[in-house]
Amino acid sequence: MKIEICSDSIESVIIANNIGVDSIELCSCLSVGGVTPSIGLIKDAINISDAPINCLIRPREGHFIYNDKEFDTIINDIKYAIKFGVKGIVIGVLNGDFKININQLSKIAEVSQDVGITFHRAFDNIVDSKEAIDILESFGVNRILSSGKANTAIKGIENLIDWKNYNSNILIQPGGGINKESALIFKNNGFESIHLSGTEKEKWSGYIPKSIEKTFLNQTLRRPSVMKIKSVVDVAKKN
């Protein structure tokens, strides 16, 4: 079973490569579910990574219903990411009725013909999952990242198995709260790939002068955990 790590820093990219993951989803700001990474992060990650880089394209946090200006940003970011050498893009675009925005998906597919396309966990906000799978396949999307419409993938495993069996032409990749125990369950159920961040929370623990404003120091960081990532990789690669 293959492992993809979601990385939002060069530190995480280096750790993922050292442990031997199969691919990396590159983003920024994991604390909000990830947004489009900076140009500098994309370039540096591609330069140092042996594992292929799939780039998240998400212009902001929050819902996946984008206006025309936001969508222009999405298209521009896709073009730049492909120009820099990413192997795939990770996207999700919906309408207000919680179905796929076919017009936007069509334009994304048009500019992404040379790379893989993953539809991310916006899929878990779609009302008719099997209809969506058929639509995504028709536009050349080769992978769906999903928690099975649950807050963790293991809780959504019945849906994930159902979708995997429904259409063998598109890869269903479980993601959301994956650990070594759930990784084994997904492996035993025939999933080809899983997705995780493998992070742990970290807060500033150093000295804070009384005279400074503390908003940013009080924010929680998500740091990559070698132990968490390695434990899942070991399960996935064990014969």
C-alpha atoms as a PDB file:
ATOM      1  CA  MET A   1       0.000   0.000   0.000  1.00  0.00           C
ATOM      2  CA  LYS A   2       1.290   3.460  -0.910  1.00  0.00           C
ATOM      3  CA  ILE A   3       1.627   6.357   1.510  1.00  0.00           C
ATOM      4  CA  GLU A   4       1.110  10.037   0.761  1.00  0.00           C
ATOM      5  CA  ILE A   5       2.122  12.637   3.332  1.00  0.00           C
ATOM      6  CA  CYS A   6       0.571  16.088   3.434  1.00  0.00           C
ATOM      7  CA  SER A   7       3.433  18.532   4.023  1.00  0.00           C
ATOM      8  CA  ASP A   8       3.271  22.263   4.682  1.00  0.00           C
ATOM      9  CA  SER A   9       6.974  22.890   5.284  1.00  0.00           C
ATOM     10  CA  ILE A  10      10.379  21.956   3.930  1.00  0.00           C
ATOM     11  CA  GLU A  11      11.049  20.219   7.245  1.00  0.00           C
ATOM     12  CA  SER A  12       8.107  17.910   6.587  1.00  0.00           C
ATOM     13  CA  VAL A  13       9.170  17.289   2.965  1.00  0.00           C
ATOM     14  CA  ILE A  14      12.646  16.259   4.128  1.00  0.00           C
ATOM     15  CA  ILE A  15      11.259  13.938   6.810  1.00  0.00           C
ATOM     16  CA  ALA A  16       8.829  12.347   4.346  1.00  0.00           C
ATOM     17  CA  ASN A  17      11.643  11.655   1.889  1.00  0.00           C
ATOM     18  CA  ASN A  18      13.938  10.243   4.558  1.00  0.00           C
ATOM     19  CA  ILE A  19      11.239   7.838   5.738  1.00  0.00           C
ATOM     20  CA  GLY A  20      10.413   6.768   2.193  1.00  0.00           C
ATOM     21  CA  VAL A  21       6.864   7.869   1.410  1.00  0.00           C
ATOM     22  CA  ASP A  22       5.500   7.378  -2.093  1.00  0.00           C
ATOM     23  CA  SER A  23       4.236  10.915  -2.707  1.00  0.00           C
ATOM     24  CA  ILE A  24       3.747  14.276  -1.026  1.00  0.00           C
ATOM     25  CA  GLU A  25       0.778  16.605  -1.112  1.00  0.00           C
ATOM     26  CA  LEU A  26       2.292  20.058  -0.696  1.00  0.00           C
ATOM     27  CA  CYS A  27       0.277  22.822   0.938  1.00  0.00           C
ATOM     28  CA  SER A  28       0.510  25.640   3.446  1.00  0.00           C
ATOM     29  CA  CYS A  29      -1.383  26.100   6.724  1.00  0.00           C
ATOM     30  CA  LEU A  30      -2.388  22.585   7.707  1.00  0.00           C
ATOM     31  CA  SER A  31      -4.114  24.118  10.724  1.00  0.00           C
ATOM     32  CA  VAL A  32      -6.963  25.240   8.411  1.00  0.00           C
ATOM     33  CA  GLY A  33      -6.944  22.106   6.275  1.00  0.00           C
ATOM     34  CA  GLY A  34      -4.333  23.420   3.852  1.00  0.00           C
ATOM     35  CA  VAL A  35      -4.187  26.208   1.277  1.00  0.00           C
ATOM     36  CA  THR A  36      -2.101  26.754  -1.860  1.00  0.00           C
ATOM     37  CA  PRO A  37       1.632  26.779  -1.002  1.00  0.00           C
ATOM     38  CA  SER A  38       3.878  29.698  -1.902  1.00  0.00           C
ATOM     39  CA  ILE A  39       6.012  29.765  -5.043  1.00  0.00           C
ATOM     40  CA  GLY A  40       9.133  29.464  -2.908  1.00  0.00           C
ATOM     41  CA  LEU A  41       7.848  26.408  -1.061  1.00  0.00           C
ATOM     42  CA  ILE A  42       6.845  24.698  -4.314  1.00  0.00           C
ATOM     43  CA  LYS A  43      10.241  25.331  -5.904  1.00  0.00           C
ATOM     44  CA  ASP A  44      12.222  24.229  -2.851  1.00  0.00           C
ATOM     45  CA  ALA A  45      10.126  21.092  -2.345  1.00  0.00           C
ATOM     46  CA  ILE A  46      10.548  20.008  -5.958  1.00  0.00           C
ATOM     47  CA  ASN A  47      14.290  20.652  -5.801  1.00  0.00           C
ATOM     48  CA  ILE A  48      14.882  18.473  -2.733  1.00  0.00           C
ATOM     49  CA  SER A  49      12.205  15.775  -3.030  1.00  0.00           C
ATOM     50  CA  ASP A  50      12.685  12.386  -4.641  1.00  0.00           C
ATOM     51  CA  ALA A  51       9.010  11.627  -3.971  1.00  0.00           C
ATOM     52  CA  PRO A  52       6.629  13.189  -6.518  1.00  0.00           C
ATOM     53  CA  ILE A  53       4.930  16.404  -5.416  1.00  0.00           C
ATOM     54  CA  ASN A  54       1.177  16.889  -5.756  1.00  0.00           C
ATOM     55  CA  CYS A  55       0.234  20.517  -5.129  1.00  0.00           C
ATOM     56  CA  LEU A  56      -2.907  21.568  -3.274  1.00  0.00           C
ATOM     57  CA  ILE A  57      -4.699  24.385  -5.087  1.00  0.00           C
ATOM     58  CA  ARG A  58      -6.988  26.092  -2.586  1.00  0.00           C
ATOM     59  CA  PRO A  59      -6.929  29.903  -2.536  1.00  0.00           C
ATOM     60  CA  ARG A  60      -8.395  30.307   0.940  1.00  0.00           C
ATOM     61  CA  GLU A  61      -9.697  28.430   3.937  1.00  0.00           C
ATOM     62  CA  GLY A  62     -13.369  27.559   4.346  1.00  0.00           C
ATOM     63  CA  HIS A  63     -15.915  26.179   1.903  1.00  0.00           C
ATOM     64  CA  PHE A  64     -15.229  25.052  -1.667  1.00  0.00           C
ATOM     65  CA  ILE A  65     -17.678  27.301  -3.523  1.00  0.00           C
ATOM     66  CA  TYR A  66     -15.544  29.815  -5.390  1.00  0.00           C
ATOM     67  CA  ASN A  67     -16.511  33.054  -7.120  1.00  0.00           C
ATOM     68  CA  ASP A  68     -15.059  34.060 -10.477  1.00  0.00           C
ATOM     69  CA  LYS A  69     -12.149  36.029  -9.016  1.00  0.00           C
ATOM     70  CA  GLU A  70     -11.187  33.185  -6.703  1.00  0.00           C
ATOM     71  CA  PHE A  71     -11.397  30.757  -9.585  1.00  0.00           C
ATOM     72  CA  ASP A  72      -9.103  32.937 -11.692  1.00  0.00           C
ATOM     73  CA  THR A  73      -6.563  32.583  -8.890  1.00  0.00           C
ATOM     74  CA  ILE A  74      -7.030  28.805  -8.913  1.00  0.00           C
ATOM     75  CA  ILE A  75      -6.307  28.576 -12.641  1.00  0.00           C
ATOM     76  CA  ASN A  76      -3.244  30.825 -12.371  1.00  0.00           C
ATOM     77  CA  ASP A  77      -1.899  28.807  -9.436  1.00  0.00           C
ATOM     78  CA  ILE A  78      -2.376  25.554 -11.351  1.00  0.00           C
ATOM     79  CA  LYS A  79      -0.449  26.909 -14.326  1.00  0.00           C
ATOM     80  CA  TYR A  80       2.447  28.067 -12.152  1.00  0.00           C
ATOM     81  CA  ALA A  81       2.577  24.827 -10.154  1.00  0.00           C
ATOM     82  CA  ILE A  82       2.735  22.759 -13.350  1.00  0.00           C
ATOM     83  CA  LYS A  83       5.389  25.085 -14.766  1.00  0.00           C
ATOM     84  CA  PHE A  84       7.536  24.505 -11.671  1.00  0.00           C
ATOM     85  CA  GLY A  85       7.308  20.723 -12.076  1.00  0.00           C
ATOM     86  CA  VAL A  86       4.622  19.279  -9.816  1.00  0.00           C
ATOM     87  CA  LYS A  87       3.386  15.825 -10.802  1.00  0.00           C
ATOM     88  CA  GLY A  88      -0.209  16.439  -9.855  1.00  0.00           C
ATOM     89  CA  ILE A  89      -2.691  18.975  -8.560  1.00  0.00           C
ATOM     90  CA  VAL A  90      -5.209  18.550  -5.750  1.00  0.00           C
ATOM     91  CA  ILE A  91      -8.457  20.474  -6.187  1.00  0.00           C
ATOM     92  CA  GLY A  92     -12.117  20.639  -5.214  1.00  0.00           C
ATOM     93  CA  VAL A  93     -14.820  22.900  -6.662  1.00  0.00           C
ATOM     94  CA  LEU A  94     -18.507  22.850  -5.743  1.00  0.00           C
ATOM     95  CA  ASN A  95     -21.731  24.705  -6.474  1.00  0.00           C
ATOM     96  CA  GLY A  96     -24.118  26.048  -3.861  1.00  0.00           C
ATOM     97  CA  ASP A  97     -26.237  22.903  -4.258  1.00  0.00           C
ATOM     98  CA  PHE A  98     -23.256  20.829  -3.045  1.00  0.00           C
ATOM     99  CA  LYS A  99     -22.642  19.205  -6.386  1.00  0.00           C
ATOM    100  CA  ILE A 100     -19.485  19.467  -8.479  1.00  0.00           C
ATOM    101  CA  ASN A 101     -19.062  22.755 -10.320  1.00  0.00           C
ATOM    102  CA  ILE A 102     -18.755  21.220 -13.769  1.00  0.00           C
ATOM    103  CA  ASN A 103     -17.841  24.472 -15.532  1.00  0.00           C
ATOM    104  CA  GLN A 104     -14.928  25.062 -13.175  1.00  0.00           C
ATOM    105  CA  LEU A 105     -13.859  21.413 -13.234  1.00  0.00           C
ATOM    106  CA  SER A 106     -13.833  21.480 -17.044  1.00  0.00           C
ATOM    107  CA  LYS A 107     -11.468  24.457 -17.084  1.00  0.00           C
ATOM    108  CA  ILE A 108      -9.226  22.829 -14.477  1.00  0.00           C
ATOM    109  CA  ALA A 109      -9.039  19.642 -16.537  1.00  0.00           C
ATOM    110  CA  GLU A 110      -8.190  21.670 -19.633  1.00  0.00           C
ATOM    111  CA  VAL A 111      -5.118  23.309 -18.062  1.00  0.00           C
ATOM    112  CA  SER A 112      -4.024  20.161 -16.182  1.00  0.00           C
ATOM    113  CA  GLN A 113      -3.767  17.626 -18.991  1.00  0.00           C
ATOM    114  CA  ASP A 114      -0.087  16.873 -18.355  1.00  0.00           C
ATOM    115  CA  VAL A 115      -0.412  16.053 -14.640  1.00  0.00           C
ATOM    116  CA  GLY A 116      -2.537  13.910 -12.351  1.00  0.00           C
ATOM    117  CA  ILE A 117      -5.679  15.375 -10.811  1.00  0.00           C
ATOM    118  CA  THR A 118      -6.889  14.558  -7.311  1.00  0.00           C
ATOM    119  CA  PHE A 119     -10.285  15.751  -6.072  1.00  0.00           C
ATOM    120  CA  HIS A 120      -9.786  16.446  -2.377  1.00  0.00           C
ATOM    121  CA  ARG A 121     -12.055  16.233   0.637  1.00  0.00           C
ATOM    122  CA  ALA A 122     -14.522  18.670  -0.870  1.00  0.00           C
ATOM    123  CA  PHE A 123     -15.863  15.307  -2.050  1.00  0.00           C
ATOM    124  CA  ASP A 124     -17.172  14.744   1.476  1.00  0.00           C
ATOM    125  CA  ASN A 125     -19.446  17.789   1.040  1.00  0.00           C
ATOM    126  CA  ILE A 126     -21.139  16.379  -2.076  1.00  0.00           C
ATOM    127  CA  VAL A 127     -24.724  15.135  -1.799  1.00  0.00           C
ATOM    128  CA  ASP A 128     -24.614  12.369  -4.450  1.00  0.00           C
ATOM    129  CA  SER A 129     -21.258  10.626  -4.166  1.00  0.00           C
ATOM    130  CA  LYS A 130     -21.622   8.056  -6.936  1.00  0.00           C
ATOM    131  CA  GLU A 131     -22.881  10.594  -9.440  1.00  0.00           C
ATOM    132  CA  ALA A 132     -19.836  12.689  -8.525  1.00  0.00           C
ATOM    133  CA  ILE A 133     -17.473   9.751  -9.064  1.00  0.00           C
ATOM    134  CA  ASP A 134     -18.830   9.298 -12.591  1.00  0.00           C
ATOM    135  CA  ILE A 135     -18.456  13.008 -13.340  1.00  0.00           C
ATOM    136  CA  LEU A 136     -14.905  13.116 -12.016  1.00  0.00           C
ATOM    137  CA  GLU A 137     -13.882  10.095 -14.071  1.00  0.00           C
ATOM    138  CA  SER A 138     -15.321  11.683 -17.208  1.00  0.00           C
ATOM    139  CA  PHE A 139     -13.058  14.720 -16.716  1.00  0.00           C
ATOM    140  CA  GLY A 140      -9.916  12.659 -16.211  1.00  0.00           C
ATOM    141  CA  VAL A 141      -9.657  12.904 -12.437  1.00  0.00           C
ATOM    142  CA  ASN A 142      -7.645   9.875 -11.376  1.00  0.00           C
ATOM    143  CA  ARG A 143      -7.941  10.032  -7.587  1.00  0.00           C
ATOM    144  CA  ILE A 144     -10.418  11.028  -4.879  1.00  0.00           C
ATOM    145  CA  LEU A 145      -9.185  11.893  -1.379  1.00  0.00           C
ATOM    146  CA  SER A 146     -11.946  11.322   1.157  1.00  0.00           C
ATOM    147  CA  SER A 147     -12.767  10.531   4.757  1.00  0.00           C
ATOM    148  CA  GLY A 148     -15.933   8.732   3.681  1.00  0.00           C
ATOM    149  CA  LYS A 149     -18.148  11.637   4.816  1.00  0.00           C
ATOM    150  CA  ALA A 150     -17.018  11.194   8.419  1.00  0.00           C
ATOM    151  CA  ASN A 151     -14.675  13.196  10.627  1.00  0.00           C
ATOM    152  CA  THR A 152     -12.083  10.415  10.298  1.00  0.00           C
ATOM    153  CA  ALA A 153     -11.497   7.958   7.481  1.00  0.00           C
ATOM    154  CA  ILE A 154     -11.849   4.914   9.704  1.00  0.00           C
ATOM    155  CA  LYS A 155     -15.344   6.069  10.730  1.00  0.00           C
ATOM    156  CA  GLY A 156     -16.207   6.487   7.048  1.00  0.00           C
ATOM    157  CA  ILE A 157     -14.729   3.162   5.941  1.00  0.00           C
ATOM    158  CA  GLU A 158     -18.054   1.656   4.804  1.00  0.00           C
ATOM    159  CA  ASN A 159     -18.578   4.489   2.318  1.00  0.00           C
ATOM    160  CA  LEU A 160     -14.958   4.307   1.188  1.00  0.00           C
ATOM    161  CA  ILE A 161     -15.224   0.564   0.514  1.00  0.00           C
ATOM    162  CA  ASP A 162     -18.521   1.090  -1.331  1.00  0.00           C
ATOM    163  CA  TRP A 163     -17.008   3.772  -3.585  1.00  0.00           C
ATOM    164  CA  LYS A 164     -13.868   1.723  -4.196  1.00  0.00           C
ATOM    165  CA  ASN A 165     -15.998  -1.182  -5.373  1.00  0.00           C
ATOM    166  CA  TYR A 166     -18.278   1.070  -7.428  1.00  0.00           C
ATOM    167  CA  ASN A 167     -15.654   2.306  -9.884  1.00  0.00           C
ATOM    168  CA  SER A 168     -12.249   0.696 -10.343  1.00  0.00           C
ATOM    169  CA  ASN A 169     -11.083   3.361 -12.825  1.00  0.00           C
ATOM    170  CA  ILE A 170     -10.639   6.045 -10.171  1.00  0.00           C
ATOM    171  CA  LEU A 171      -8.533   5.584  -7.043  1.00  0.00           C
ATOM    172  CA  ILE A 172     -10.264   6.125  -3.707  1.00  0.00           C
ATOM    173  CA  GLN A 173      -7.635   7.338  -1.224  1.00  0.00           C
ATOM    174  CA  PRO A 174      -8.678   7.355   2.459  1.00  0.00           C
ATOM    175  CA  GLY A 175      -7.496  10.370   4.422  1.00  0.00           C
ATOM    176  CA  GLY A 176      -8.372  11.898   7.769  1.00  0.00           C
ATOM    177  CA  GLY A 177      -7.001  10.802  11.137  1.00  0.00           C
ATOM    178  CA  ILE A 178      -4.967   7.926   9.702  1.00  0.00           C
ATOM    179  CA  ASN A 179      -2.705   6.135  12.198  1.00  0.00           C
ATOM    180  CA  LYS A 180      -0.903   2.794  12.214  1.00  0.00           C
ATOM    181  CA  GLU A 181      -3.989   0.916  13.436  1.00  0.00           C
ATOM    182  CA  SER A 182      -6.347   2.305  10.811  1.00  0.00           C
ATOM    183  CA  ALA A 183      -3.647   1.983   8.143  1.00  0.00           C
ATOM    184  CA  LEU A 184      -3.625  -1.778   8.697  1.00  0.00           C
ATOM    185  CA  ILE A 185      -7.410  -1.941   8.381  1.00  0.00           C
ATOM    186  CA  PHE A 186      -7.347  -0.059   5.077  1.00  0.00           C
ATOM    187  CA  LYS A 187      -4.525  -2.253   3.830  1.00  0.00           C
ATOM    188  CA  ASN A 188      -6.455  -5.411   4.695  1.00  0.00           C
ATOM    189  CA  ASN A 189      -9.491  -4.031   2.829  1.00  0.00           C
ATOM    190  CA  GLY A 190      -7.546  -3.668  -0.396  1.00  0.00           C
ATOM    191  CA  PHE A 191      -6.926   0.075  -0.574  1.00  0.00           C
ATOM    192  CA  GLU A 192      -3.947   0.966  -2.750  1.00  0.00           C
ATOM    193  CA  SER A 193      -3.033   4.252  -1.068  1.00  0.00           C
ATOM    194  CA  ILE A 194      -3.699   6.274   2.087  1.00  0.00           C
ATOM    195  CA  HIS A 195      -3.097   9.918   2.979  1.00  0.00           C
ATOM    196  CA  LEU A 196      -2.026  11.491   6.265  1.00  0.00           C
ATOM    197  CA  SER A 197      -0.252  14.507   7.711  1.00  0.00           C
ATOM    198  CA  GLY A 198       1.427  12.676  10.594  1.00  0.00           C
ATOM    199  CA  THR A 199       1.682  15.824  12.678  1.00  0.00           C
ATOM    200  CA  GLU A 200       1.555  16.784  16.317  1.00  0.00           C
ATOM    201  CA  LYS A 201       0.491  20.097  17.811  1.00  0.00           C
ATOM    202  CA  GLU A 202       3.068  22.505  19.144  1.00  0.00           C
ATOM    203  CA  LYS A 203       2.723  25.817  20.954  1.00  0.00           C
ATOM    204  CA  TRP A 204       5.370  28.404  21.730  1.00  0.00           C
ATOM    205  CA  SER A 205       6.926  27.415  25.052  1.00  0.00           C
ATOM    206  CA  GLY A 206       9.621  30.056  25.350  1.00  0.00           C
ATOM    207  CA  TYR A 207       9.755  33.346  27.187  1.00  0.00           C
ATOM    208  CA  ILE A 208       7.132  35.936  26.223  1.00  0.00           C
ATOM    209  CA  PRO A 209       7.802  39.524  27.324  1.00  0.00           C
ATOM    210  CA  LYS A 210       4.813  41.165  29.007  1.00  0.00           C
ATOM    211  CA  SER A 211       5.072  44.190  26.735  1.00  0.00           C
ATOM    212  CA  ILE A 212       4.350  42.380  23.426  1.00  0.00           C
ATOM    213  CA  GLU A 213       1.119  41.434  21.654  1.00  0.00           C
ATOM    214  CA  LYS A 214       0.636  37.661  21.881  1.00  0.00           C
ATOM    215  CA  THR A 215      -1.893  36.676  19.173  1.00  0.00           C
ATOM    216  CA  PHE A 216       0.592  34.971  16.855  1.00  0.00           C
ATOM    217  CA  LEU A 217       2.608  33.365  19.649  1.00  0.00           C
ATOM    218  CA  ASN A 218      -0.583  31.757  20.964  1.00  0.00           C
ATOM    219  CA  GLN A 219      -1.371  30.067  17.645  1.00  0.00           C
ATOM    220  CA  THR A 220      -0.897  26.291  17.486  1.00  0.00           C
ATOM    221  CA  LEU A 221       1.583  24.885  14.961  1.00  0.00           C
ATOM    222  CA  ARG A 222       1.373  21.475  13.283  1.00  0.00           C
ATOM    223  CA  ARG A 223       4.838  19.903  13.278  1.00  0.00           C
ATOM    224  CA  PRO A 224       5.681  16.652  11.430  1.00  0.00           C
ATOM    225  CA  SER A 225       6.146  13.657  13.729  1.00  0.00           C
ATOM    226  CA  VAL A 226       8.792  11.188  12.559  1.00  0.00           C
ATOM    227  CA  MET A 227       7.342   8.529  14.858  1.00  0.00           C
ATOM    228  CA  LYS A 228       3.772   8.886  13.555  1.00  0.00           C
ATOM    229  CA  ILE A 229       4.778   8.891   9.901  1.00  0.00           C
ATOM    230  CA  LYS A 230       7.233   6.018  10.234  1.00  0.00           C
ATOM    231  CA  SER A 231       4.760   3.834  12.133  1.00  0.00           C
ATOM    232  CA  VAL A 232       2.242   4.119   9.277  1.00  0.00           C
ATOM    233  CA  VAL A 233       4.879   3.572   6.577  1.00  0.00           C
ATOM    234  CA  ASP A 234       6.095   0.442   8.386  1.00  0.00           C
ATOM    235  CA  VAL A 235       2.563  -0.998   8.397  1.00  0.00           C
ATOM    236  CA  ALA A 236       1.958  -0.113   4.752  1.00  0.00           C
ATOM    237  CA  LYS A 237       5.205  -1.632   3.482  1.00  0.00           C
ATOM    238  CA  LYS A 238       5.157  -4.802   5.573  1.00  0.00           C
ATOM    239  CA  ASN A 239       4.504  -7.949   3.525  1.00  0.00           C
END
